[in-house]
Amino acid sequence: MLRLRTSIQRTLLTVIWLCTVAFAGLAQLTVIVPPQVAEGETFQLVYRAAGAHELGAFTAPQIASGLKVLYGPQLNVLHKMSGGVSKEYTTITYTLQATKAGSYSISAAQLRVGQKSLKALSKRIQVAKAQGLTQQAIASGESLRIADRDMYMRAVVSSQSVYTQQPVLVSLYLYSRYGNLAGVDRKPPEVTDFVTKEIPLQHTSLTTERVGGRLMYKALIWQILAYPQRSGELVIPSFEYDFQVSVNRKVDNEEDLFANKAVATAHKKLHSQPLKLTVRPLPEGAPEGFDQLVGSFQIQGTLSAPDPTYETGRAMTYQLDIRGRGNVSLLLAPELGLSDKFEVYEPQLIRDDQKVQNGNTEVHRIYEYTIIPHATGQQTVPAVSLPYFDPATNSYRTATTAPIRIKVAQGSNDVPQVGKAGEASSSQRYTPYPYDAPAPTIVWHPWSRAGWAYWLLYVLLLIGGGVAYWLIRSDQRLRADHVAYHKKRSTPMAEQQIQAIRQLIKAGQQSEATARLYAAITHYLQDHYALATSSLTRQQLASALKQQGVADAEVNAWLSLLSEIELARYAPQQEGDSLPRWVDQLERLISQS
């Protein structure tokens, strides 16, 4: 009876799990909408499904009366380039306006795609009273003055107490009572005790948040990963950012209107607060081979040969697959620890995928080792160890592979093994020439050992080997010289990015195209001219380019292009008509470099 009850319970759990999976398969229509908006603000409600589909019936959501539908639904098929792979999305977009403060719900929507029904869950939106967030026009002739409490920056860290080499995510937020603004220039903090890595932001948008009883615009404008290099009480200095703010001005006559006096502008230089961190040293008792690797990692080793047989003198491939997250810049190829019965070559990095997620760098790296055995019998490829410190458990850990045992046979292209009596194997036995047999007839041929073609082949092989060696060494020297390597790859990488940006423009994704264009320019300048991230401010960029012999006209063109694009990132209404011109200008500058 007890067994029957247990069986029924397992069956019920299985049915519940299958129903859950079926429901999850139903809810594949993603809904994108801000959780909070300001009264009078215009925003978009987007339903998105992966892929381009032959769409069926669309069950529209019920939208509350406090949210006015300006236009929609609008059907679009968007293309997105990620890692060289094109992805398609089908979107249904509504443009709404929050007309009255309150809490409003948007009911579930459903889309029929072929035989499947995709469902999006209901959403709730909070509409807050603006209370002066929408700026009133200032009087004619009045200058714009921005109070510190109306516009400031705040830096936030993911953790204030970390270990040495443990990454810290630093996020810089802008709070402003003004919505019409643009970043003009910025300066990263000058750090000496940290190694920093900037996280590119794909898109910067303004949201709203109530701070101290006042509604403010809020935007994430900068993110970096900081790796502390020593222990103690360390400080990340303040970030600097220069913004241009625009406010409408009352115009009394047409003369002021046509004299561009209808808009008042002002520059506001902001500084974030310094950040104090407590950095703890790594504890004692580090395992052998520990090399300051901090995070969490797993490794797996596999051995393969051209066929299932392992033979002496025949190359084998050992692949070491490493996955994890942490300070991956210190993740190097581990030693295999093979005996002198094996010959091993320098490992090759055949895969290195990195992405920043949840305040850390995730990595998937594969090293490939070429191994040649020189001894027959049972042999062992020992376990490979990767020691690291895990901050989650405050302890040292070691990721290891399993040892691999193989049986190696005598190969035909290797020196045969000698027996105990010092005699060679049977394949080496000498068969004397019979005296009563007729002598063989020697016929001269160009490919015989006495012919010219035979020795010419050796010369050609030597020349070909020398050329191949020179090409390989040139490539290795180029890769070792990171500056030259990145400079050589900067132009083709930029051309790939330009093609992707043109596709985004064609698909109507103006904001994403602007962000990708800005990132492509900064990456090209860093790679082509070997510039650090801290050298991308306007003054330092101009000085660095002039030191490398770039003409003044070209320097001014770079600075002007960066300023226009950065301004458009915070004023999206200006980017639509200018994007193709900016892309063409970037191509011309790259061709002149």
Foldseek 3Di string as FASTA:
>chain_A
DVVVVVVVVVVVVVVVVVVVVVVVVQAQWEWDDDQEAEAFDKDKIKTKHWDDADWDDKFAKDWDPQKAFPDFQDWAWAWAADPNDITIMIMTMTIIHRHDFDKIKIAKMWIDTPPGIHIHHIGIHGYHYQVCLQPDAAEQPDADDDDDVQKAKAKDWPDQEEAAQFKIKIWIKIWHSAQQKFWFWWFAFDDDQWDKDWDFDLAWDWHWDQDPNHIITMITDTMMIIGGHDFDKDKGFKIKIKMKGKHAHDDDDVVCVVVPRRIHIDIDIYIYHMRIHGYHYQDPDFDPPADAWEWDKAKEKDKAAPDPAAAAPGKIKIKIKMWTKGSCVRVDDFDQPADPQKDKDDKDWPDWDWDDDPRIIIIITMIMMIMGGHDFAKDKRCKTWDWYQYRVVSGIDIHIYHIDIDGYHYDPPHDADADPVRHGDPVPDDDDDDPPDDDDDDDDDLCDPPHPVVVVVVVVVVVVVVVVVVVVVVVVVCVVVQLNVLLVCLVVVLVVLLVSLVSNLVSVVQLSSLSSLLVSLVSSLCNNQVDDPSQPTLVSVLVSCVVVPDDPVLSVLSSVLNSVSSSCSSVVVPRNVCSVVSSVSVVVSSVVD
